[in-house]
């Protein structure tokens, strides 16, 4: 899939860390959006104790709520993966601090993980979970299921990532993707302040059309599932970025509203896609 990011979509900042300015450009044919410019050294934009997916040691109220939601989501993710694989090997790409790999292993599922962040791998190792620093160490056609929970938006080349996944998956294997949905109500409500854009850590931005355009030739979408907790987390952060009074309360309210609207328009804040390899 060749994308042409020809349509200006939004001007915004890295509200999380640097306050640097970025722009989003849309490919009208596919619905995929690209962050421009894309920094050469992205590691610098992850160097914050508040980046919770790489550090679960924080003790703030927000971190507590994040970890509570993460605990619920871990059970939901494990249940979903178990539905599509009874036996076989699972690879979690972008494994963070190894919580999903750990949960899968506790439930008798053979799982391993890849995580590029040395800091996150170190925390995972302290939990007894050894994560690989690259994908090259894995053999072709060695996994029955690959999961990427909020990872694809971070990669520098989505087409290359797709080809790597195709090489690692066995014939008719399963790919699970979870992605922020820029068509959701909370995305429209917060606009440039929507934390789901999270530039420049999020290099690409997706909706259902973009996922279908990117994967339809090689994969069949067999299920789409809302991630209901994501709307609250994203909305609280977005309220902070927009400097709304009482951001925690406001974020909870907008999260509820977004989820309610999603029951009718099927556009939740984040979507889990289950795809099956066609060959």
C-alpha atoms as a PDB file:
ATOM      1  CA  UNK A   1       0.000   0.000   0.000  1.00  0.00           C
ATOM      2  CA  UNK A   2       1.449   3.316  -1.089  1.00  0.00           C
ATOM      3  CA  UNK A   3       0.119   6.276   0.838  1.00  0.00           C
ATOM      4  CA  UNK A   4      -0.039   9.894  -0.288  1.00  0.00           C
ATOM      5  CA  UNK A   5      -0.285  12.177   2.708  1.00  0.00           C
ATOM      6  CA  UNK A   6      -1.460  15.164   0.724  1.00  0.00           C
ATOM      7  CA  UNK A   7      -4.223  16.694   2.858  1.00  0.00           C
ATOM      8  CA  UNK A   8      -3.410  18.858   5.908  1.00  0.00           C
ATOM      9  CA  UNK A   9      -5.447  17.508   8.815  1.00  0.00           C
ATOM     10  CA  UNK A  10      -4.373  19.208  12.056  1.00  0.00           C
ATOM     11  CA  UNK A  11      -1.698  21.380  13.658  1.00  0.00           C
ATOM     12  CA  UNK A  12      -0.793  20.433  17.230  1.00  0.00           C
ATOM     13  CA  UNK A  13       1.967  20.117  19.827  1.00  0.00           C
ATOM     14  CA  UNK A  14       3.667  17.476  21.929  1.00  0.00           C
ATOM     15  CA  UNK A  15       1.559  18.452  24.942  1.00  0.00           C
ATOM     16  CA  UNK A  16       2.910  15.536  26.976  1.00  0.00           C
ATOM     17  CA  UNK A  17       6.579  16.477  27.072  1.00  0.00           C
ATOM     18  CA  UNK A  18       8.375  18.966  24.803  1.00  0.00           C
ATOM     19  CA  UNK A  19       5.663  21.374  23.535  1.00  0.00           C
ATOM     20  CA  UNK A  20       7.245  21.099  20.067  1.00  0.00           C
ATOM     21  CA  UNK A  21       4.956  21.726  17.096  1.00  0.00           C
ATOM     22  CA  UNK A  22       3.882  19.048  14.621  1.00  0.00           C
ATOM     23  CA  UNK A  23       1.377  18.605  11.817  1.00  0.00           C
ATOM     24  CA  UNK A  24      -0.862  15.728  10.779  1.00  0.00           C
ATOM     25  CA  UNK A  25      -1.377  14.923   7.098  1.00  0.00           C
ATOM     26  CA  UNK A  26      -4.135  12.655   5.800  1.00  0.00           C
ATOM     27  CA  UNK A  27      -4.091  10.195   2.933  1.00  0.00           C
ATOM     28  CA  UNK A  28      -7.659  10.700   1.618  1.00  0.00           C
ATOM     29  CA  UNK A  29      -7.683   7.323  -0.160  1.00  0.00           C
ATOM     30  CA  UNK A  30      -6.785   5.159   2.826  1.00  0.00           C
ATOM     31  CA  UNK A  31      -7.761   7.274   5.852  1.00  0.00           C
ATOM     32  CA  UNK A  32      -4.271   6.870   7.321  1.00  0.00           C
ATOM     33  CA  UNK A  33      -2.754   9.963   8.965  1.00  0.00           C
ATOM     34  CA  UNK A  34       0.965  10.676   9.349  1.00  0.00           C
ATOM     35  CA  UNK A  35       2.798  12.853  11.888  1.00  0.00           C
ATOM     36  CA  UNK A  36       5.157  15.361  10.254  1.00  0.00           C
ATOM     37  CA  UNK A  37       8.020  15.826  10.920  1.00  0.00           C
ATOM     38  CA  UNK A  38       9.068  12.475  12.359  1.00  0.00           C
ATOM     39  CA  UNK A  39      12.080  12.985  14.665  1.00  0.00           C
ATOM     40  CA  UNK A  40      15.233  10.965  13.993  1.00  0.00           C
ATOM     41  CA  UNK A  41      15.812  10.184  17.675  1.00  0.00           C
ATOM     42  CA  UNK A  42      12.430   9.167  19.052  1.00  0.00           C
ATOM     43  CA  UNK A  43      13.922   7.789  22.276  1.00  0.00           C
ATOM     44  CA  UNK A  44      14.197  11.335  23.616  1.00  0.00           C
ATOM     45  CA  UNK A  45      10.405  11.690  23.498  1.00  0.00           C
ATOM     46  CA  UNK A  46       9.869   8.699  25.780  1.00  0.00           C
ATOM     47  CA  UNK A  47      12.219   9.887  28.531  1.00  0.00           C
ATOM     48  CA  UNK A  48       9.687  10.734  31.204  1.00  0.00           C
ATOM     49  CA  UNK A  49       8.669   9.041  34.446  1.00  0.00           C
ATOM     50  CA  UNK A  50       5.077   9.843  33.479  1.00  0.00           C
ATOM     51  CA  UNK A  51       5.225   7.535  30.445  1.00  0.00           C
ATOM     52  CA  UNK A  52       3.400   4.778  32.287  1.00  0.00           C
ATOM     53  CA  UNK A  53       3.574   1.985  29.703  1.00  0.00           C
ATOM     54  CA  UNK A  54       7.355   1.917  30.197  1.00  0.00           C
ATOM     55  CA  UNK A  55       7.324   2.419  33.966  1.00  0.00           C
ATOM     56  CA  UNK A  56       4.762   0.984  36.400  1.00  0.00           C
ATOM     57  CA  UNK A  57       6.472   2.186  39.575  1.00  0.00           C
ATOM     58  CA  UNK A  58       4.658   5.534  39.852  1.00  0.00           C
ATOM     59  CA  UNK A  59       2.360   6.077  42.868  1.00  0.00           C
ATOM     60  CA  UNK A  60       0.182   9.015  41.823  1.00  0.00           C
ATOM     61  CA  UNK A  61      -3.640   8.842  41.767  1.00  0.00           C
ATOM     62  CA  UNK A  62      -3.580   8.872  37.977  1.00  0.00           C
ATOM     63  CA  UNK A  63      -1.006   6.053  37.933  1.00  0.00           C
ATOM     64  CA  UNK A  64      -3.206   4.080  40.356  1.00  0.00           C
ATOM     65  CA  UNK A  65      -6.212   4.458  38.045  1.00  0.00           C
ATOM     66  CA  UNK A  66      -4.061   3.572  35.031  1.00  0.00           C
ATOM     67  CA  UNK A  67      -2.818   0.395  36.707  1.00  0.00           C
ATOM     68  CA  UNK A  68      -6.339  -0.532  37.836  1.00  0.00           C
ATOM     69  CA  UNK A  69      -7.573  -0.260  34.250  1.00  0.00           C
ATOM     70  CA  UNK A  70      -4.489  -2.148  33.051  1.00  0.00           C
ATOM     71  CA  UNK A  71      -5.264  -5.005  35.413  1.00  0.00           C
ATOM     72  CA  UNK A  72      -8.802  -5.265  34.020  1.00  0.00           C
ATOM     73  CA  UNK A  73      -7.539  -5.019  30.450  1.00  0.00           C
ATOM     74  CA  UNK A  74      -4.961  -7.763  31.026  1.00  0.00           C
ATOM     75  CA  UNK A  75      -7.731 -10.213  31.855  1.00  0.00           C
ATOM     76  CA  UNK A  76      -9.736  -9.055  28.840  1.00  0.00           C
ATOM     77  CA  UNK A  77      -6.726  -9.386  26.522  1.00  0.00           C
ATOM     78  CA  UNK A  78      -5.851 -12.823  27.865  1.00  0.00           C
ATOM     79  CA  UNK A  79      -9.437 -13.986  27.437  1.00  0.00           C
ATOM     80  CA  UNK A  80      -9.535 -12.712  23.853  1.00  0.00           C
ATOM     81  CA  UNK A  81      -6.221 -14.362  22.953  1.00  0.00           C
ATOM     82  CA  UNK A  82      -7.340 -17.649  24.534  1.00  0.00           C
ATOM     83  CA  UNK A  83     -10.457 -17.595  22.351  1.00  0.00           C
ATOM     84  CA  UNK A  84      -8.360 -17.675  19.206  1.00  0.00           C
ATOM     85  CA  UNK A  85      -5.545 -19.959  20.315  1.00  0.00           C
ATOM     86  CA  UNK A  86      -5.715 -23.077  22.488  1.00  0.00           C
ATOM     87  CA  UNK A  87      -2.177 -24.248  21.884  1.00  0.00           C
ATOM     88  CA  UNK A  88       0.754 -22.705  20.058  1.00  0.00           C
ATOM     89  CA  UNK A  89       3.017 -19.710  20.375  1.00  0.00           C
ATOM     90  CA  UNK A  90       2.098 -16.089  21.032  1.00  0.00           C
ATOM     91  CA  UNK A  91       4.333 -13.071  20.388  1.00  0.00           C
ATOM     92  CA  UNK A  92       3.532  -9.735  22.017  1.00  0.00           C
ATOM     93  CA  UNK A  93       5.180  -6.946  20.009  1.00  0.00           C
ATOM     94  CA  UNK A  94       5.813  -3.797  22.038  1.00  0.00           C
ATOM     95  CA  UNK A  95       5.479  -5.738  25.270  1.00  0.00           C
ATOM     96  CA  UNK A  96       6.238  -2.789  27.570  1.00  0.00           C
ATOM     97  CA  UNK A  97       7.091  -4.057  31.052  1.00  0.00           C
ATOM     98  CA  UNK A  98       5.966  -7.582  30.176  1.00  0.00           C
ATOM     99  CA  UNK A  99       2.600  -7.689  31.938  1.00  0.00           C
ATOM    100  CA  UNK A 100       0.657  -9.334  29.105  1.00  0.00           C
ATOM    101  CA  UNK A 101       3.378 -11.931  28.475  1.00  0.00           C
ATOM    102  CA  UNK A 102       3.412 -12.679  32.205  1.00  0.00           C
ATOM    103  CA  UNK A 103      -0.384 -12.993  32.364  1.00  0.00           C
ATOM    104  CA  UNK A 104      -0.490 -15.282  29.329  1.00  0.00           C
ATOM    105  CA  UNK A 105       2.199 -17.525  30.787  1.00  0.00           C
ATOM    106  CA  UNK A 106       0.316 -17.736  34.100  1.00  0.00           C
ATOM    107  CA  UNK A 107      -2.699 -18.945  32.132  1.00  0.00           C
ATOM    108  CA  UNK A 108      -0.751 -21.730  30.442  1.00  0.00           C
ATOM    109  CA  UNK A 109      -0.235 -19.973  27.105  1.00  0.00           C
ATOM    110  CA  UNK A 110       3.227 -20.133  25.539  1.00  0.00           C
ATOM    111  CA  UNK A 111       4.152 -16.475  25.096  1.00  0.00           C
ATOM    112  CA  UNK A 112       7.190 -14.329  24.505  1.00  0.00           C
ATOM    113  CA  UNK A 113       7.647 -10.620  23.914  1.00  0.00           C
ATOM    114  CA  UNK A 114       9.604  -8.024  21.979  1.00  0.00           C
ATOM    115  CA  UNK A 115      10.263  -4.598  23.514  1.00  0.00           C
ATOM    116  CA  UNK A 116      12.768  -2.027  22.144  1.00  0.00           C
ATOM    117  CA  UNK A 117      12.919   0.043  25.360  1.00  0.00           C
ATOM    118  CA  UNK A 118      15.837  -1.032  27.563  1.00  0.00           C
ATOM    119  CA  UNK A 119      14.170   0.609  30.576  1.00  0.00           C
ATOM    120  CA  UNK A 120      10.966  -1.376  30.074  1.00  0.00           C
ATOM    121  CA  UNK A 121      12.886  -4.623  29.492  1.00  0.00           C
ATOM    122  CA  UNK A 122      14.776  -4.091  32.747  1.00  0.00           C
ATOM    123  CA  UNK A 123      11.523  -3.707  34.710  1.00  0.00           C
ATOM    124  CA  UNK A 124      10.106  -6.785  32.977  1.00  0.00           C
ATOM    125  CA  UNK A 125      13.210  -8.808  33.883  1.00  0.00           C
ATOM    126  CA  UNK A 126      12.775  -7.846  37.539  1.00  0.00           C
ATOM    127  CA  UNK A 127       9.325  -9.454  37.291  1.00  0.00           C
ATOM    128  CA  UNK A 128      10.858 -12.601  35.833  1.00  0.00           C
ATOM    129  CA  UNK A 129       9.861 -11.863  32.224  1.00  0.00           C
ATOM    130  CA  UNK A 130      12.679 -11.817  29.652  1.00  0.00           C
ATOM    131  CA  UNK A 131      11.817  -9.778  26.552  1.00  0.00           C
ATOM    132  CA  UNK A 132      13.734  -9.722  23.282  1.00  0.00           C
ATOM    133  CA  UNK A 133      15.241  -6.404  22.087  1.00  0.00           C
ATOM    134  CA  UNK A 134      14.606  -7.105  18.373  1.00  0.00           C
ATOM    135  CA  UNK A 135      12.499  -9.227  16.040  1.00  0.00           C
ATOM    136  CA  UNK A 136      15.452 -10.719  14.166  1.00  0.00           C
ATOM    137  CA  UNK A 137      15.912 -13.361  16.863  1.00  0.00           C
ATOM    138  CA  UNK A 138      12.592 -15.008  15.944  1.00  0.00           C
ATOM    139  CA  UNK A 139      12.293 -17.613  13.181  1.00  0.00           C
ATOM    140  CA  UNK A 140       9.851 -17.232  10.282  1.00  0.00           C
ATOM    141  CA  UNK A 141       6.415 -18.851  10.579  1.00  0.00           C
ATOM    142  CA  UNK A 142       6.978 -19.468  14.293  1.00  0.00           C
ATOM    143  CA  UNK A 143       3.896 -17.839  15.860  1.00  0.00           C
ATOM    144  CA  UNK A 144       0.232 -18.756  15.836  1.00  0.00           C
ATOM    145  CA  UNK A 145      -0.808 -15.352  17.164  1.00  0.00           C
ATOM    146  CA  UNK A 146       0.844 -11.927  17.345  1.00  0.00           C
ATOM    147  CA  UNK A 147      -0.531  -9.149  19.539  1.00  0.00           C
ATOM    148  CA  UNK A 148       0.241  -5.434  19.210  1.00  0.00           C
ATOM    149  CA  UNK A 149      -1.627  -3.436  21.826  1.00  0.00           C
ATOM    150  CA  UNK A 150      -1.174   0.278  21.107  1.00  0.00           C
ATOM    151  CA  UNK A 151       2.054  -0.326  19.215  1.00  0.00           C
ATOM    152  CA  UNK A 152       1.474   0.075  15.461  1.00  0.00           C
ATOM    153  CA  UNK A 153       0.957   3.826  15.856  1.00  0.00           C
ATOM    154  CA  UNK A 154       4.536   4.051  17.189  1.00  0.00           C
ATOM    155  CA  UNK A 155       6.379   2.341  14.316  1.00  0.00           C
ATOM    156  CA  UNK A 156       8.287   4.359  11.733  1.00  0.00           C
ATOM    157  CA  UNK A 157       7.230   2.241   8.734  1.00  0.00           C
ATOM    158  CA  UNK A 158       3.835   0.511   8.977  1.00  0.00           C
ATOM    159  CA  UNK A 159       4.256  -1.340   5.675  1.00  0.00           C
ATOM    160  CA  UNK A 160       7.602  -2.777   6.759  1.00  0.00           C
ATOM    161  CA  UNK A 161       6.092  -3.779  10.101  1.00  0.00           C
ATOM    162  CA  UNK A 162       3.281  -5.560   8.299  1.00  0.00           C
ATOM    163  CA  UNK A 163       5.745  -7.542   6.204  1.00  0.00           C
ATOM    164  CA  UNK A 164       7.650  -8.549   9.346  1.00  0.00           C
ATOM    165  CA  UNK A 165       4.398  -9.744  10.926  1.00  0.00           C
ATOM    166  CA  UNK A 166       3.520 -11.737   7.804  1.00  0.00           C
ATOM    167  CA  UNK A 167       6.911 -13.450   7.961  1.00  0.00           C
ATOM    168  CA  UNK A 168       6.575 -14.347  11.651  1.00  0.00           C
ATOM    169  CA  UNK A 169       2.975 -15.596  11.536  1.00  0.00           C
ATOM    170  CA  UNK A 170       2.145 -19.149  10.583  1.00  0.00           C
ATOM    171  CA  UNK A 171      -0.341 -19.705   7.727  1.00  0.00           C
ATOM    172  CA  UNK A 172      -3.817 -18.500   8.789  1.00  0.00           C
ATOM    173  CA  UNK A 173      -2.346 -17.091  11.991  1.00  0.00           C
ATOM    174  CA  UNK A 174      -4.036 -14.390  14.047  1.00  0.00           C
ATOM    175  CA  UNK A 175      -2.976 -10.754  14.441  1.00  0.00           C
ATOM    176  CA  UNK A 176      -4.491  -8.640  17.221  1.00  0.00           C
ATOM    177  CA  UNK A 177      -4.128  -4.869  16.938  1.00  0.00           C
ATOM    178  CA  UNK A 178      -5.338  -2.231  19.384  1.00  0.00           C
ATOM    179  CA  UNK A 179      -5.297   1.335  18.097  1.00  0.00           C
ATOM    180  CA  UNK A 180      -6.618   4.785  19.030  1.00  0.00           C
ATOM    181  CA  UNK A 181      -9.514   5.765  16.763  1.00  0.00           C
ATOM    182  CA  UNK A 182      -9.426   9.358  15.543  1.00  0.00           C
ATOM    183  CA  UNK A 183     -13.086   9.066  14.507  1.00  0.00           C
ATOM    184  CA  UNK A 184     -14.218   8.696  18.128  1.00  0.00           C
ATOM    185  CA  UNK A 185     -16.272  11.317  19.954  1.00  0.00           C
ATOM    186  CA  UNK A 186     -13.476  12.126  22.420  1.00  0.00           C
ATOM    187  CA  UNK A 187     -11.081  12.729  19.496  1.00  0.00           C
ATOM    188  CA  UNK A 188     -13.547  15.152  17.926  1.00  0.00           C
ATOM    189  CA  UNK A 189     -14.327  16.837  21.263  1.00  0.00           C
ATOM    190  CA  UNK A 190     -10.700  17.540  22.219  1.00  0.00           C
ATOM    191  CA  UNK A 191      -9.387  18.216  18.704  1.00  0.00           C
ATOM    192  CA  UNK A 192      -5.679  19.070  18.721  1.00  0.00           C
ATOM    193  CA  UNK A 193      -5.518  18.349  22.462  1.00  0.00           C
ATOM    194  CA  UNK A 194      -6.663  14.733  22.062  1.00  0.00           C
ATOM    195  CA  UNK A 195      -4.105  12.557  23.839  1.00  0.00           C
ATOM    196  CA  UNK A 196      -4.697   9.777  21.318  1.00  0.00           C
ATOM    197  CA  UNK A 197      -2.614  11.739  18.816  1.00  0.00           C
ATOM    198  CA  UNK A 198       0.341  11.816  21.260  1.00  0.00           C
ATOM    199  CA  UNK A 199       2.766  13.306  18.739  1.00  0.00           C
ATOM    200  CA  UNK A 200       5.522  12.539  17.956  1.00  0.00           C
ATOM    201  CA  UNK A 201       5.432   9.203  19.814  1.00  0.00           C
ATOM    202  CA  UNK A 202       2.470   8.290  17.620  1.00  0.00           C
ATOM    203  CA  UNK A 203       3.824   8.481  14.105  1.00  0.00           C
ATOM    204  CA  UNK A 204       0.655   7.253  12.392  1.00  0.00           C
ATOM    205  CA  UNK A 205      -3.034   7.535  13.238  1.00  0.00           C
ATOM    206  CA  UNK A 206      -5.812   5.130  12.348  1.00  0.00           C
ATOM    207  CA  UNK A 207      -9.506   4.644  11.906  1.00  0.00           C
ATOM    208  CA  UNK A 208     -11.364   1.552  10.691  1.00  0.00           C
ATOM    209  CA  UNK A 209     -10.888   2.537   7.047  1.00  0.00           C
ATOM    210  CA  UNK A 210      -7.117   2.909   7.506  1.00  0.00           C
ATOM    211  CA  UNK A 211      -6.774  -0.527   9.109  1.00  0.00           C
ATOM    212  CA  UNK A 212      -8.807  -2.151   6.354  1.00  0.00           C
ATOM    213  CA  UNK A 213      -6.802  -0.345   3.650  1.00  0.00           C
ATOM    214  CA  UNK A 214      -3.477  -1.397   5.172  1.00  0.00           C
ATOM    215  CA  UNK A 215      -4.285  -5.052   5.913  1.00  0.00           C
ATOM    216  CA  UNK A 216      -7.158  -6.114   3.652  1.00  0.00           C
ATOM    217  CA  UNK A 217      -5.017  -7.798   0.977  1.00  0.00           C
ATOM    218  CA  UNK A 218      -3.244 -10.144   3.412  1.00  0.00           C
ATOM    219  CA  UNK A 219      -5.693 -10.331   6.333  1.00  0.00           C
ATOM    220  CA  UNK A 220      -9.384 -10.751   7.011  1.00  0.00           C
ATOM    221  CA  UNK A 221     -10.860  -8.704   9.860  1.00  0.00           C
ATOM    222  CA  UNK A 222     -12.819 -11.237  11.925  1.00  0.00           C
ATOM    223  CA  UNK A 223     -13.649  -9.094  14.962  1.00  0.00           C
ATOM    224  CA  UNK A 224     -13.619  -5.491  16.172  1.00  0.00           C
ATOM    225  CA  UNK A 225     -13.903  -4.863  19.908  1.00  0.00           C
ATOM    226  CA  UNK A 226     -14.094  -1.525  21.795  1.00  0.00           C
ATOM    227  CA  UNK A 227     -11.577  -0.805  24.554  1.00  0.00           C
ATOM    228  CA  UNK A 228     -13.952   0.958  26.927  1.00  0.00           C
ATOM    229  CA  UNK A 229     -11.404   2.047  29.554  1.00  0.00           C
ATOM    230  CA  UNK A 230      -9.245   3.863  26.996  1.00  0.00           C
ATOM    231  CA  UNK A 231     -11.769   6.677  26.611  1.00  0.00           C
ATOM    232  CA  UNK A 232     -11.370   7.613  30.291  1.00  0.00           C
ATOM    233  CA  UNK A 233      -7.560   7.510  30.286  1.00  0.00           C
ATOM    234  CA  UNK A 234      -7.306   9.485  27.053  1.00  0.00           C
ATOM    235  CA  UNK A 235      -9.959  12.002  28.066  1.00  0.00           C
ATOM    236  CA  UNK A 236      -8.333  12.725  31.443  1.00  0.00           C
ATOM    237  CA  UNK A 237      -4.994  13.370  29.723  1.00  0.00           C
ATOM    238  CA  UNK A 238      -6.690  15.462  27.026  1.00  0.00           C
ATOM    239  CA  UNK A 239      -8.428  17.576  29.675  1.00  0.00           C
ATOM    240  CA  UNK A 240      -5.035  18.195  31.267  1.00  0.00           C
ATOM    241  CA  UNK A 241      -3.525  19.243  27.948  1.00  0.00           C
ATOM    242  CA  UNK A 242      -6.467  21.577  27.271  1.00  0.00           C
ATOM    243  CA  UNK A 243      -6.141  22.958  30.817  1.00  0.00           C
ATOM    244  CA  UNK A 244      -9.793  22.290  31.599  1.00  0.00           C
ATOM    245  CA  UNK A 245     -10.845  22.859  35.206  1.00  0.00           C
ATOM    246  CA  UNK A 246     -10.989  19.602  37.229  1.00  0.00           C
ATOM    247  CA  UNK A 247      -9.476  17.520  34.398  1.00  0.00           C
ATOM    248  CA  UNK A 248      -9.989  14.202  36.181  1.00  0.00           C
ATOM    249  CA  UNK A 249     -13.733  14.738  36.607  1.00  0.00           C
ATOM    250  CA  UNK A 250     -14.091  16.248  33.139  1.00  0.00           C
ATOM    251  CA  UNK A 251     -12.195  13.344  31.585  1.00  0.00           C
ATOM    252  CA  UNK A 252     -14.401  10.788  33.323  1.00  0.00           C
ATOM    253  CA  UNK A 253     -17.534  12.557  32.063  1.00  0.00           C
ATOM    254  CA  UNK A 254     -16.282  12.824  28.472  1.00  0.00           C
ATOM    255  CA  UNK A 255     -15.143   9.200  28.643  1.00  0.00           C
ATOM    256  CA  UNK A 256     -18.635   8.086  29.623  1.00  0.00           C
ATOM    257  CA  UNK A 257     -20.162  10.254  26.900  1.00  0.00           C
ATOM    258  CA  UNK A 258     -17.775   8.926  24.261  1.00  0.00           C
ATOM    259  CA  UNK A 259     -18.531   5.330  25.213  1.00  0.00           C
ATOM    260  CA  UNK A 260     -22.263   6.011  25.154  1.00  0.00           C
ATOM    261  CA  UNK A 261     -22.083   7.507  21.669  1.00  0.00           C
ATOM    262  CA  UNK A 262     -19.895   4.602  20.530  1.00  0.00           C
ATOM    263  CA  UNK A 263     -22.701   2.180  21.389  1.00  0.00           C
ATOM    264  CA  UNK A 264     -24.621   3.735  18.490  1.00  0.00           C
ATOM    265  CA  UNK A 265     -22.020   4.920  15.958  1.00  0.00           C
ATOM    266  CA  UNK A 266     -19.489   2.084  16.600  1.00  0.00           C
ATOM    267  CA  UNK A 267     -16.599   4.568  16.874  1.00  0.00           C
ATOM    268  CA  UNK A 268     -15.023   4.023  20.326  1.00  0.00           C
ATOM    269  CA  UNK A 269     -11.903   5.797  21.553  1.00  0.00           C
ATOM    270  CA  UNK A 270      -9.780   2.706  20.872  1.00  0.00           C
ATOM    271  CA  UNK A 271     -10.543  -0.439  18.892  1.00  0.00           C
ATOM    272  CA  UNK A 272      -9.113  -3.941  19.139  1.00  0.00           C
ATOM    273  CA  UNK A 273      -8.973  -5.558  15.694  1.00  0.00           C
ATOM    274  CA  UNK A 274      -8.661  -9.332  15.322  1.00  0.00           C
ATOM    275  CA  UNK A 275      -7.303 -10.231  11.883  1.00  0.00           C
ATOM    276  CA  UNK A 276      -6.697 -13.637  10.308  1.00  0.00           C
ATOM    277  CA  UNK A 277      -3.914 -14.201   7.810  1.00  0.00           C
ATOM    278  CA  UNK A 278      -5.422 -15.164   4.465  1.00  0.00           C
ATOM    279  CA  UNK A 279      -2.675 -17.628   3.469  1.00  0.00           C
END
